C-alpha atoms as a PDB file:
ATOM      1  CA  UNK A   1     -27.039 178.545 -52.874  1.00  0.00           C
ATOM      2  CA  UNK A   2     -24.570 175.751 -53.526  1.00  0.00           C
ATOM      3  CA  UNK A   3     -20.939 176.217 -53.178  1.00  0.00           C
ATOM      4  CA  UNK A   4     -17.871 174.206 -53.401  1.00  0.00           C
ATOM      5  CA  UNK A   5     -16.306 174.571 -50.023  1.00  0.00           C
ATOM      6  CA  UNK A   6     -12.572 173.925 -48.537  1.00  0.00           C
ATOM      7  CA  UNK A   7     -13.959 173.576 -44.994  1.00  0.00           C
ATOM      8  CA  UNK A   8     -10.261 173.212 -43.319  1.00  0.00           C
ATOM      9  CA  UNK A   9      -6.706 172.360 -44.327  1.00  0.00           C
ATOM     10  CA  UNK A  10      -6.401 168.764 -46.491  1.00  0.00           C
ATOM     11  CA  UNK A  11     -10.176 168.180 -46.028  1.00  0.00           C
ATOM     12  CA  UNK A  12     -11.740 166.952 -49.377  1.00  0.00           C
ATOM     13  CA  UNK A  13     -14.086 169.613 -51.418  1.00  0.00           C
ATOM     14  CA  UNK A  14     -17.430 169.554 -50.446  1.00  0.00           C
ATOM     15  CA  UNK A  15     -20.466 170.526 -52.240  1.00  0.00           C
ATOM     16  CA  UNK A  16     -22.605 172.363 -49.573  1.00  0.00           C
ATOM     17  CA  UNK A  17     -25.458 174.599 -49.501  1.00  0.00           C
ATOM     18  CA  UNK A  18     -24.288 177.895 -47.758  1.00  0.00           C
ATOM     19  CA  UNK A  19     -25.821 181.623 -47.714  1.00  0.00           C
ATOM     20  CA  UNK A  20     -27.060 183.430 -50.540  1.00  0.00           C
ATOM     21  CA  UNK A  21     -24.791 186.118 -51.668  1.00  0.00           C
ATOM     22  CA  UNK A  22     -26.103 190.087 -51.683  1.00  0.00           C
ATOM     23  CA  UNK A  23     -24.393 192.913 -53.734  1.00  0.00           C
ATOM     24  CA  UNK A  24     -23.482 195.889 -51.576  1.00  0.00           C
ATOM     25  CA  UNK A  25     -23.130 199.425 -53.888  1.00  0.00           C
ATOM     26  CA  UNK A  26     -20.487 199.071 -56.524  1.00  0.00           C
ATOM     27  CA  UNK A  27     -20.500 195.671 -56.565  1.00  0.00           C
ATOM     28  CA  UNK A  28     -22.190 192.995 -58.797  1.00  0.00           C
ATOM     29  CA  UNK A  29     -24.029 189.606 -58.050  1.00  0.00           C
ATOM     30  CA  UNK A  30     -23.133 187.008 -61.152  1.00  0.00           C
ATOM     31  CA  UNK A  31     -24.967 184.039 -61.691  1.00  0.00           C
ATOM     32  CA  UNK A  32     -21.870 181.865 -62.310  1.00  0.00           C
ATOM     33  CA  UNK A  33     -22.364 179.098 -65.410  1.00  0.00           C
ATOM     34  CA  UNK A  34     -18.670 177.801 -65.742  1.00  0.00           C
ATOM     35  CA  UNK A  35     -15.781 178.038 -63.212  1.00  0.00           C
ATOM     36  CA  UNK A  36     -12.115 177.001 -63.551  1.00  0.00           C
ATOM     37  CA  UNK A  37      -9.140 175.491 -61.544  1.00  0.00           C
ATOM     38  CA  UNK A  38      -5.893 177.051 -61.015  1.00  0.00           C
ATOM     39  CA  UNK A  39      -2.959 174.912 -58.871  1.00  0.00           C
ATOM     40  CA  UNK A  40      -3.993 178.057 -56.649  1.00  0.00           C
ATOM     41  CA  UNK A  41      -7.354 176.290 -55.529  1.00  0.00           C
ATOM     42  CA  UNK A  42      -5.261 173.240 -54.849  1.00  0.00           C
ATOM     43  CA  UNK A  43      -2.557 174.923 -52.870  1.00  0.00           C
ATOM     44  CA  UNK A  44      -4.998 176.387 -50.843  1.00  0.00           C
ATOM     45  CA  UNK A  45      -6.715 173.210 -50.038  1.00  0.00           C
ATOM     46  CA  UNK A  46      -3.579 171.524 -48.761  1.00  0.00           C
ATOM     47  CA  UNK A  47      -2.504 174.506 -46.884  1.00  0.00           C
ATOM     48  CA  UNK A  48       0.077 175.888 -49.023  1.00  0.00           C
ATOM     49  CA  UNK A  49      -0.929 179.571 -49.501  1.00  0.00           C
ATOM     50  CA  UNK A  50      -0.599 182.566 -47.701  1.00  0.00           C
ATOM     51  CA  UNK A  51      -3.331 184.187 -45.885  1.00  0.00           C
ATOM     52  CA  UNK A  52      -5.523 181.089 -45.541  1.00  0.00           C
ATOM     53  CA  UNK A  53      -9.024 181.286 -44.453  1.00  0.00           C
ATOM     54  CA  UNK A  54     -10.959 177.926 -43.984  1.00  0.00           C
ATOM     55  CA  UNK A  55     -14.198 177.537 -45.130  1.00  0.00           C
ATOM     56  CA  UNK A  56     -13.589 179.132 -48.150  1.00  0.00           C
ATOM     57  CA  UNK A  57     -15.557 178.924 -51.468  1.00  0.00           C
ATOM     58  CA  UNK A  58     -12.273 178.878 -53.567  1.00  0.00           C
ATOM     59  CA  UNK A  59     -12.168 179.971 -57.378  1.00  0.00           C
ATOM     60  CA  UNK A  60     -10.179 182.503 -59.578  1.00  0.00           C
ATOM     61  CA  UNK A  61     -12.065 181.515 -62.240  1.00  0.00           C
ATOM     62  CA  UNK A  62     -15.990 182.143 -63.758  1.00  0.00           C
ATOM     63  CA  UNK A  63     -18.120 183.270 -66.361  1.00  0.00           C
ATOM     64  CA  UNK A  64     -21.867 184.125 -66.204  1.00  0.00           C
ATOM     65  CA  UNK A  65     -24.879 186.443 -66.053  1.00  0.00           C
ATOM     66  CA  UNK A  66     -24.871 189.661 -63.978  1.00  0.00           C
ATOM     67  CA  UNK A  67     -28.250 189.480 -62.047  1.00  0.00           C
ATOM     68  CA  UNK A  68     -27.550 192.553 -60.551  1.00  0.00           C
ATOM     69  CA  UNK A  69     -24.997 194.954 -61.115  1.00  0.00           C
ATOM     70  CA  UNK A  70     -26.556 198.590 -62.579  1.00  0.00           C
ATOM     71  CA  UNK A  71     -25.918 198.893 -66.087  1.00  0.00           C
ATOM     72  CA  UNK A  72     -24.191 195.155 -66.314  1.00  0.00           C
ATOM     73  CA  UNK A  73     -27.628 193.655 -65.322  1.00  0.00           C
ATOM     74  CA  UNK A  74     -28.707 190.748 -67.838  1.00  0.00           C
ATOM     75  CA  UNK A  75     -25.375 190.958 -69.312  1.00  0.00           C
ATOM     76  CA  UNK A  76     -22.902 187.747 -70.284  1.00  0.00           C
ATOM     77  CA  UNK A  77     -19.639 188.181 -68.671  1.00  0.00           C
ATOM     78  CA  UNK A  78     -16.120 186.994 -67.784  1.00  0.00           C
ATOM     79  CA  UNK A  79     -14.564 187.947 -64.123  1.00  0.00           C
ATOM     80  CA  UNK A  80     -11.337 189.689 -63.837  1.00  0.00           C
ATOM     81  CA  UNK A  81     -10.081 187.890 -61.073  1.00  0.00           C
ATOM     82  CA  UNK A  82      -7.459 190.384 -59.937  1.00  0.00           C
ATOM     83  CA  UNK A  83      -9.032 192.689 -57.203  1.00  0.00           C
ATOM     84  CA  UNK A  84      -7.423 195.957 -56.225  1.00  0.00           C
ATOM     85  CA  UNK A  85      -4.397 196.232 -58.181  1.00  0.00           C
ATOM     86  CA  UNK A  86      -3.637 199.637 -57.572  1.00  0.00           C
ATOM     87  CA  UNK A  87      -2.847 203.028 -59.335  1.00  0.00           C
ATOM     88  CA  UNK A  88       0.006 201.803 -61.041  1.00  0.00           C
ATOM     89  CA  UNK A  89       0.400 199.843 -64.036  1.00  0.00           C
ATOM     90  CA  UNK A  90       3.398 198.011 -63.865  1.00  0.00           C
ATOM     91  CA  UNK A  91       2.911 196.421 -60.226  1.00  0.00           C
ATOM     92  CA  UNK A  92       0.051 195.230 -57.660  1.00  0.00           C
ATOM     93  CA  UNK A  93      -0.815 197.094 -54.840  1.00  0.00           C
ATOM     94  CA  UNK A  94       1.502 195.598 -52.070  1.00  0.00           C
ATOM     95  CA  UNK A  95      -1.156 195.843 -49.531  1.00  0.00           C
ATOM     96  CA  UNK A  96      -4.563 195.623 -51.354  1.00  0.00           C
ATOM     97  CA  UNK A  97      -4.134 193.373 -54.564  1.00  0.00           C
ATOM     98  CA  UNK A  98      -5.734 190.102 -54.003  1.00  0.00           C
ATOM     99  CA  UNK A  99      -7.298 187.205 -56.035  1.00  0.00           C
ATOM    100  CA  UNK A 100     -10.969 185.964 -55.988  1.00  0.00           C
ATOM    101  CA  UNK A 101     -10.818 182.936 -54.316  1.00  0.00           C
ATOM    102  CA  UNK A 102      -9.420 183.905 -51.127  1.00  0.00           C
ATOM    103  CA  UNK A 103      -9.559 185.629 -48.694  1.00  0.00           C
ATOM    104  CA  UNK A 104     -12.888 187.118 -50.175  1.00  0.00           C
ATOM    105  CA  UNK A 105     -15.251 183.869 -51.694  1.00  0.00           C
ATOM    106  CA  UNK A 106     -14.522 182.288 -55.260  1.00  0.00           C
ATOM    107  CA  UNK A 107     -16.658 181.480 -58.604  1.00  0.00           C
ATOM    108  CA  UNK A 108     -17.198 177.795 -57.441  1.00  0.00           C
ATOM    109  CA  UNK A 109     -20.620 178.500 -56.590  1.00  0.00           C
ATOM    110  CA  UNK A 110     -23.996 179.170 -58.033  1.00  0.00           C
ATOM    111  CA  UNK A 111     -23.345 182.988 -57.441  1.00  0.00           C
ATOM    112  CA  UNK A 112     -20.452 185.208 -56.845  1.00  0.00           C
ATOM    113  CA  UNK A 113     -19.912 188.742 -55.708  1.00  0.00           C
ATOM    114  CA  UNK A 114     -17.329 190.655 -57.605  1.00  0.00           C
ATOM    115  CA  UNK A 115     -16.778 194.629 -57.828  1.00  0.00           C
ATOM    116  CA  UNK A 116     -18.708 196.045 -60.634  1.00  0.00           C
ATOM    117  CA  UNK A 117     -15.077 197.549 -62.083  1.00  0.00           C
ATOM    118  CA  UNK A 118     -14.057 193.394 -62.418  1.00  0.00           C
ATOM    119  CA  UNK A 119     -16.608 192.796 -65.083  1.00  0.00           C
ATOM    120  CA  UNK A 120     -15.932 192.513 -68.604  1.00  0.00           C
ATOM    121  CA  UNK A 121     -17.997 191.336 -71.966  1.00  0.00           C
ATOM    122  CA  UNK A 122     -17.958 187.642 -72.547  1.00  0.00           C
ATOM    123  CA  UNK A 123     -16.449 187.064 -76.255  1.00  0.00           C
ATOM    124  CA  UNK A 124     -19.684 186.439 -78.201  1.00  0.00           C
ATOM    125  CA  UNK A 125     -17.295 183.582 -79.878  1.00  0.00           C
ATOM    126  CA  UNK A 126     -16.558 181.660 -76.487  1.00  0.00           C
ATOM    127  CA  UNK A 127     -19.243 179.402 -74.811  1.00  0.00           C
ATOM    128  CA  UNK A 128     -19.226 179.762 -71.040  1.00  0.00           C
ATOM    129  CA  UNK A 129     -16.732 176.824 -70.203  1.00  0.00           C
ATOM    130  CA  UNK A 130     -14.334 178.073 -72.703  1.00  0.00           C
ATOM    131  CA  UNK A 131     -15.063 181.655 -70.957  1.00  0.00           C
ATOM    132  CA  UNK A 132     -14.695 180.347 -67.874  1.00  0.00           C
ATOM    133  CA  UNK A 133     -11.013 178.858 -68.630  1.00  0.00           C
ATOM    134  CA  UNK A 134      -9.756 182.463 -69.811  1.00  0.00           C
ATOM    135  CA  UNK A 135      -9.396 184.703 -66.957  1.00  0.00           C
ATOM    136  CA  UNK A 136      -6.252 184.161 -64.674  1.00  0.00           C
ATOM    137  CA  UNK A 137      -3.953 181.723 -66.975  1.00  0.00           C
ATOM    138  CA  UNK A 138      -5.120 184.042 -69.598  1.00  0.00           C
ATOM    139  CA  UNK A 139      -4.150 187.580 -68.010  1.00  0.00           C
ATOM    140  CA  UNK A 140      -1.154 186.135 -66.537  1.00  0.00           C
ATOM    141  CA  UNK A 141      -0.086 184.532 -69.961  1.00  0.00           C
ATOM    142  CA  UNK A 142      -0.781 188.144 -71.969  1.00  0.00           C
ATOM    143  CA  UNK A 143       1.233 190.223 -69.240  1.00  0.00           C
ATOM    144  CA  UNK A 144       4.235 187.576 -69.225  1.00  0.00           C
ATOM    145  CA  UNK A 145       4.389 187.339 -72.991  1.00  0.00           C
ATOM    146  CA  UNK A 146       2.879 190.484 -74.584  1.00  0.00           C
ATOM    147  CA  UNK A 147       3.252 192.963 -72.021  1.00  0.00           C
ATOM    148  CA  UNK A 148       6.229 192.230 -70.002  1.00  0.00           C
ATOM    149  CA  UNK A 149       8.345 190.451 -72.707  1.00  0.00           C
ATOM    150  CA  UNK A 150       6.731 192.267 -75.646  1.00  0.00           C
ATOM    151  CA  UNK A 151       6.359 189.750 -78.038  1.00  0.00           C
ATOM    152  CA  UNK A 152       6.549 190.441 -82.156  1.00  0.00           C
ATOM    153  CA  UNK A 153       6.324 189.121 -85.261  1.00  0.00           C
ATOM    154  CA  UNK A 154       9.227 187.214 -86.171  1.00  0.00           C
ATOM    155  CA  UNK A 155      11.057 186.735 -83.096  1.00  0.00           C
ATOM    156  CA  UNK A 156      12.315 183.283 -81.463  1.00  0.00           C
ATOM    157  CA  UNK A 157       9.671 182.696 -78.677  1.00  0.00           C
ATOM    158  CA  UNK A 158      10.464 179.995 -76.018  1.00  0.00           C
ATOM    159  CA  UNK A 159       7.595 178.489 -73.728  1.00  0.00           C
ATOM    160  CA  UNK A 160       8.668 176.359 -71.095  1.00  0.00           C
ATOM    161  CA  UNK A 161       6.226 173.609 -69.404  1.00  0.00           C
ATOM    162  CA  UNK A 162       3.448 173.221 -71.944  1.00  0.00           C
ATOM    163  CA  UNK A 163       0.702 171.673 -71.194  1.00  0.00           C
ATOM    164  CA  UNK A 164      -0.052 173.984 -68.130  1.00  0.00           C
ATOM    165  CA  UNK A 165      -3.157 176.674 -68.764  1.00  0.00           C
ATOM    166  CA  UNK A 166      -0.450 179.774 -68.644  1.00  0.00           C
ATOM    167  CA  UNK A 167       2.131 178.395 -70.986  1.00  0.00           C
ATOM    168  CA  UNK A 168      -0.867 177.296 -73.542  1.00  0.00           C
ATOM    169  CA  UNK A 169      -2.365 180.634 -73.762  1.00  0.00           C
ATOM    170  CA  UNK A 170       0.967 182.230 -73.896  1.00  0.00           C
ATOM    171  CA  UNK A 171       1.666 179.535 -76.976  1.00  0.00           C
ATOM    172  CA  UNK A 172      -1.790 180.669 -78.473  1.00  0.00           C
ATOM    173  CA  UNK A 173      -1.115 184.674 -77.840  1.00  0.00           C
ATOM    174  CA  UNK A 174       2.838 184.473 -79.048  1.00  0.00           C
ATOM    175  CA  UNK A 175       1.665 182.345 -82.308  1.00  0.00           C
ATOM    176  CA  UNK A 176      -1.394 184.565 -82.875  1.00  0.00           C
ATOM    177  CA  UNK A 177       1.385 187.957 -82.650  1.00  0.00           C
ATOM    178  CA  UNK A 178       3.504 185.866 -85.699  1.00  0.00           C
ATOM    179  CA  UNK A 179       6.387 184.757 -83.887  1.00  0.00           C
ATOM    180  CA  UNK A 180       8.056 181.695 -84.110  1.00  0.00           C
ATOM    181  CA  UNK A 181       7.169 179.585 -81.003  1.00  0.00           C
ATOM    182  CA  UNK A 182       9.083 176.774 -79.515  1.00  0.00           C
ATOM    183  CA  UNK A 183       7.965 174.832 -76.196  1.00  0.00           C
ATOM    184  CA  UNK A 184       9.344 172.176 -73.541  1.00  0.00           C
ATOM    185  CA  UNK A 185       7.785 169.752 -71.906  1.00  0.00           C
ATOM    186  CA  UNK A 186       8.211 166.833 -69.730  1.00  0.00           C
ATOM    187  CA  UNK A 187       5.570 164.565 -71.993  1.00  0.00           C
ATOM    188  CA  UNK A 188       6.280 164.059 -75.652  1.00  0.00           C
ATOM    189  CA  UNK A 189       2.224 163.865 -76.168  1.00  0.00           C
ATOM    190  CA  UNK A 190       1.940 167.265 -74.943  1.00  0.00           C
ATOM    191  CA  UNK A 191       4.943 168.342 -76.894  1.00  0.00           C
ATOM    192  CA  UNK A 192       3.156 166.905 -80.245  1.00  0.00           C
ATOM    193  CA  UNK A 193      -0.802 168.655 -79.523  1.00  0.00           C
ATOM    194  CA  UNK A 194       1.928 171.911 -78.846  1.00  0.00           C
ATOM    195  CA  UNK A 195       2.859 171.569 -82.336  1.00  0.00           C
ATOM    196  CA  UNK A 196      -0.493 171.215 -83.854  1.00  0.00           C
ATOM    197  CA  UNK A 197      -1.255 174.323 -82.005  1.00  0.00           C
ATOM    198  CA  UNK A 198       1.273 176.342 -84.025  1.00  0.00           C
ATOM    199  CA  UNK A 199       4.727 175.290 -82.130  1.00  0.00           C
ATOM    200  CA  UNK A 200       7.281 174.935 -84.749  1.00  0.00           C
ATOM    201  CA  UNK A 201       9.297 172.347 -82.592  1.00  0.00           C
ATOM    202  CA  UNK A 202      10.195 171.808 -79.137  1.00  0.00           C
ATOM    203  CA  UNK A 203      12.035 169.153 -76.831  1.00  0.00           C
ATOM    204  CA  UNK A 204      11.340 167.103 -73.415  1.00  0.00           C
ATOM    205  CA  UNK A 205      13.502 168.291 -70.825  1.00  0.00           C
ATOM    206  CA  UNK A 206      13.206 165.242 -68.902  1.00  0.00           C
ATOM    207  CA  UNK A 207      15.642 163.952 -71.300  1.00  0.00           C
ATOM    208  CA  UNK A 208      19.746 164.851 -71.446  1.00  0.00           C
ATOM    209  CA  UNK A 209      21.192 167.586 -72.791  1.00  0.00           C
ATOM    210  CA  UNK A 210      17.458 168.695 -73.533  1.00  0.00           C
ATOM    211  CA  UNK A 211      19.062 172.688 -74.084  1.00  0.00           C
ATOM    212  CA  UNK A 212      21.289 171.517 -76.849  1.00  0.00           C
ATOM    213  CA  UNK A 213      18.936 169.507 -78.422  1.00  0.00           C
ATOM    214  CA  UNK A 214      16.558 172.884 -78.136  1.00  0.00           C
ATOM    215  CA  UNK A 215      19.329 175.243 -79.295  1.00  0.00           C
ATOM    216  CA  UNK A 216      20.159 172.559 -82.174  1.00  0.00           C
ATOM    217  CA  UNK A 217      16.816 173.087 -83.690  1.00  0.00           C
ATOM    218  CA  UNK A 218      16.011 176.695 -83.085  1.00  0.00           C
ATOM    219  CA  UNK A 219      19.377 178.606 -81.990  1.00  0.00           C
ATOM    220  CA  UNK A 220      18.646 181.143 -79.607  1.00  0.00           C
ATOM    221  CA  UNK A 221      15.595 182.989 -78.413  1.00  0.00           C
ATOM    222  CA  UNK A 222      14.357 186.814 -78.213  1.00  0.00           C
ATOM    223  CA  UNK A 223      11.799 185.900 -75.522  1.00  0.00           C
ATOM    224  CA  UNK A 224      11.612 183.306 -73.054  1.00  0.00           C
ATOM    225  CA  UNK A 225       8.287 182.711 -70.980  1.00  0.00           C
ATOM    226  CA  UNK A 226       9.133 180.625 -68.054  1.00  0.00           C
ATOM    227  CA  UNK A 227       6.913 179.585 -65.128  1.00  0.00           C
ATOM    228  CA  UNK A 228       9.176 176.851 -63.409  1.00  0.00           C
ATOM    229  CA  UNK A 229      12.375 178.416 -61.982  1.00  0.00           C
ATOM    230  CA  UNK A 230      14.615 176.090 -60.276  1.00  0.00           C
ATOM    231  CA  UNK A 231      18.109 175.046 -61.534  1.00  0.00           C
ATOM    232  CA  UNK A 232      17.106 175.024 -65.383  1.00  0.00           C
ATOM    233  CA  UNK A 233      17.041 178.854 -65.187  1.00  0.00           C
ATOM    234  CA  UNK A 234      20.743 178.777 -66.118  1.00  0.00           C
ATOM    235  CA  UNK A 235      20.196 176.711 -69.225  1.00  0.00           C
ATOM    236  CA  UNK A 236      17.510 179.255 -69.989  1.00  0.00           C
ATOM    237  CA  UNK A 237      20.158 182.362 -69.549  1.00  0.00           C
ATOM    238  CA  UNK A 238      22.011 180.314 -71.820  1.00  0.00           C
ATOM    239  CA  UNK A 239      19.363 179.694 -74.717  1.00  0.00           C
ATOM    240  CA  UNK A 240      18.454 183.667 -74.471  1.00  0.00           C
ATOM    241  CA  UNK A 241      19.862 185.566 -77.624  1.00  0.00           C
ATOM    242  CA  UNK A 242      22.037 188.634 -76.618  1.00  0.00           C
ATOM    243  CA  UNK A 243      19.672 191.478 -75.744  1.00  0.00           C
ATOM    244  CA  UNK A 244      17.343 188.752 -75.027  1.00  0.00           C
ATOM    245  CA  UNK A 245      13.782 188.787 -72.604  1.00  0.00           C
ATOM    246  CA  UNK A 246      13.029 186.130 -70.042  1.00  0.00           C
ATOM    247  CA  UNK A 247      10.115 186.744 -67.906  1.00  0.00           C
ATOM    248  CA  UNK A 248       9.450 184.867 -65.343  1.00  0.00           C
ATOM    249  CA  UNK A 249       5.858 184.271 -63.629  1.00  0.00           C
ATOM    250  CA  UNK A 250       6.588 181.808 -61.417  1.00  0.00           C
ATOM    251  CA  UNK A 251       8.601 178.830 -59.637  1.00  0.00           C
ATOM    252  CA  UNK A 252       7.050 175.620 -59.379  1.00  0.00           C
ATOM    253  CA  UNK A 253      10.513 173.929 -59.476  1.00  0.00           C
ATOM    254  CA  UNK A 254      11.687 176.586 -56.643  1.00  0.00           C
ATOM    255  CA  UNK A 255      14.605 178.755 -56.576  1.00  0.00           C
ATOM    256  CA  UNK A 256      17.981 178.129 -58.348  1.00  0.00           C
ATOM    257  CA  UNK A 257      20.687 176.727 -56.136  1.00  0.00           C
ATOM    258  CA  UNK A 258      23.185 179.563 -58.101  1.00  0.00           C
ATOM    259  CA  UNK A 259      22.741 182.005 -61.157  1.00  0.00           C
ATOM    260  CA  UNK A 260      25.873 182.768 -63.617  1.00  0.00           C
ATOM    261  CA  UNK A 261      25.176 185.842 -63.502  1.00  0.00           C
ATOM    262  CA  UNK A 262      28.015 186.445 -66.128  1.00  0.00           C
ATOM    263  CA  UNK A 263      25.465 185.206 -68.705  1.00  0.00           C
ATOM    264  CA  UNK A 264      23.292 188.048 -67.518  1.00  0.00           C
ATOM    265  CA  UNK A 265      25.401 191.337 -67.872  1.00  0.00           C
ATOM    266  CA  UNK A 266      27.629 189.572 -70.828  1.00  0.00           C
ATOM    267  CA  UNK A 267      25.044 188.884 -72.776  1.00  0.00           C
ATOM    268  CA  UNK A 268      22.863 192.244 -71.907  1.00  0.00           C
ATOM    269  CA  UNK A 269      19.832 190.111 -70.544  1.00  0.00           C
ATOM    270  CA  UNK A 270      16.295 192.041 -69.930  1.00  0.00           C
ATOM    271  CA  UNK A 271      15.232 189.399 -66.851  1.00  0.00           C
ATOM    272  CA  UNK A 272      11.544 190.342 -66.419  1.00  0.00           C
ATOM    273  CA  UNK A 273       8.894 189.260 -63.478  1.00  0.00           C
ATOM    274  CA  UNK A 274       5.783 189.281 -64.075  1.00  0.00           C
ATOM    275  CA  UNK A 275       2.213 188.579 -61.970  1.00  0.00           C
ATOM    276  CA  UNK A 276      -1.124 188.285 -63.145  1.00  0.00           C
ATOM    277  CA  UNK A 277      -2.091 191.516 -64.423  1.00  0.00           C
ATOM    278  CA  UNK A 278      -3.832 195.223 -64.494  1.00  0.00           C
ATOM    279  CA  UNK A 279      -7.116 195.823 -65.326  1.00  0.00           C
ATOM    280  CA  UNK A 280      -5.862 197.291 -68.865  1.00  0.00           C
ATOM    281  CA  UNK A 281      -4.022 194.181 -69.363  1.00  0.00           C
ATOM    282  CA  UNK A 282      -7.359 192.065 -68.569  1.00  0.00           C
ATOM    283  CA  UNK A 283      -8.925 194.030 -71.383  1.00  0.00           C
ATOM    284  CA  UNK A 284      -6.662 194.018 -73.780  1.00  0.00           C
ATOM    285  CA  UNK A 285      -6.104 190.206 -73.481  1.00  0.00           C
ATOM    286  CA  UNK A 286      -9.724 190.001 -73.626  1.00  0.00           C
ATOM    287  CA  UNK A 287      -9.800 191.861 -77.038  1.00  0.00           C
ATOM    288  CA  UNK A 288      -7.272 190.015 -78.248  1.00  0.00           C
ATOM    289  CA  UNK A 289      -8.624 187.233 -77.765  1.00  0.00           C
ATOM    290  CA  UNK A 290     -11.748 188.686 -79.499  1.00  0.00           C
ATOM    291  CA  UNK A 291      -9.705 190.218 -82.733  1.00  0.00           C
ATOM    292  CA  UNK A 292      -7.621 186.818 -82.942  1.00  0.00           C
ATOM    293  CA  UNK A 293     -10.716 184.199 -82.668  1.00  0.00           C
ATOM    294  CA  UNK A 294      -8.847 182.375 -79.667  1.00  0.00           C
ATOM    295  CA  UNK A 295     -10.024 179.612 -78.011  1.00  0.00           C
ATOM    296  CA  UNK A 296      -8.662 178.727 -74.852  1.00  0.00           C
ATOM    297  CA  UNK A 297      -7.826 174.434 -74.439  1.00  0.00           C
ATOM    298  CA  UNK A 298     -10.572 172.980 -72.195  1.00  0.00           C
ATOM    299  CA  UNK A 299      -8.916 170.085 -70.780  1.00  0.00           C
ATOM    300  CA  UNK A 300     -11.858 168.088 -69.125  1.00  0.00           C
ATOM    301  CA  UNK A 301     -15.295 169.645 -67.734  1.00  0.00           C
ATOM    302  CA  UNK A 302     -16.539 168.134 -64.597  1.00  0.00           C
ATOM    303  CA  UNK A 303     -20.010 168.517 -63.008  1.00  0.00           C
ATOM    304  CA  UNK A 304     -20.628 170.441 -59.583  1.00  0.00           C
ATOM    305  CA  UNK A 305     -20.793 167.422 -57.698  1.00  0.00           C
ATOM    306  CA  UNK A 306     -17.520 165.865 -58.883  1.00  0.00           C
ATOM    307  CA  UNK A 307     -15.435 168.617 -57.499  1.00  0.00           C
ATOM    308  CA  UNK A 308     -13.186 166.610 -55.659  1.00  0.00           C
ATOM    309  CA  UNK A 309     -12.386 164.299 -58.699  1.00  0.00           C
ATOM    310  CA  UNK A 310     -11.414 167.986 -60.070  1.00  0.00           C
ATOM    311  CA  UNK A 311      -9.069 169.415 -57.549  1.00  0.00           C
ATOM    312  CA  UNK A 312      -7.457 165.584 -57.415  1.00  0.00           C
ATOM    313  CA  UNK A 313      -6.994 165.666 -61.007  1.00  0.00           C
ATOM    314  CA  UNK A 314      -5.466 169.277 -61.147  1.00  0.00           C
ATOM    315  CA  UNK A 315      -3.174 167.722 -58.675  1.00  0.00           C
ATOM    316  CA  UNK A 316      -2.094 164.796 -60.995  1.00  0.00           C
ATOM    317  CA  UNK A 317      -0.876 167.677 -63.689  1.00  0.00           C
ATOM    318  CA  UNK A 318      -1.608 165.270 -66.650  1.00  0.00           C
ATOM    319  CA  UNK A 319      -4.196 167.815 -68.109  1.00  0.00           C
ATOM    320  CA  UNK A 320      -3.213 169.570 -71.162  1.00  0.00           C
ATOM    321  CA  UNK A 321      -4.991 172.848 -71.173  1.00  0.00           C
ATOM    322  CA  UNK A 322      -8.017 174.188 -68.170  1.00  0.00           C
ATOM    323  CA  UNK A 323     -10.171 171.978 -66.034  1.00  0.00           C
ATOM    324  CA  UNK A 324     -13.911 173.420 -65.753  1.00  0.00           C
ATOM    325  CA  UNK A 325     -16.423 172.935 -63.680  1.00  0.00           C
ATOM    326  CA  UNK A 326     -19.701 173.503 -65.057  1.00  0.00           C
ATOM    327  CA  UNK A 327     -22.208 175.456 -61.932  1.00  0.00           C
END
């Protein structure tokens, strides 16, 4: 079969012929029709991810048709990329949990093998390209905003870094839930596109006093969903309403150099961490997408032989939505 392979650190992704996949008991063989990239894939290519193994077929997101897998055979599916979450719904197993695409081969191939338990019916209203864009970013956003953040209708919600996959899904989910959503971005164009999707306002975080400008627009926020961290964390603590919920699902800007703790205890804030999502979260997310007719935002679709170009496009970070590779 054909697959996109990272042969070693800092090497271009190559389209290679590799051994065919065979499903064991309890597993399914899925013919992949489309797969999507995440920053995780680029970090693996650069050697900036834990548990590296080369060669590796990357890719955590995929949609296709089950070739063999018991009662699932012949069905159109999307793949839950969270493997071996464990028995505790509140957190992933510290020993067994991992994600499709490392250390096991991922979805950027003509076929992938995953546990039958990780198959979910593809929402009928989505194309394979749209469905492939949903899994990792979708479940991360759903758990952060709807499960951990408990977004409710009428609440003021701030989503930072709009344009990335998780942030866009969080925007779509919060808008569908009836929240009043505001966003931040380093791009005025992305702010405008987010407003077209239902955001009531937003600010460019590259401008001076962006937090003050955001407060002038919206006041304080009941829920803040952030994947950047860094020294902007204190501004987010300041923007939260007393008793508010702040959910952090990543730290692309690193750790804050300091945290003003009095803002947390005096305002009785709830500071929450969130990573990926449980099987129940994934199923609920897919059901929510179906109920509300949500369509993932796909920025660009690449052919399989354009794999390295797709990785470089992801690395540039200019996309608005998901980057998909048609298999």
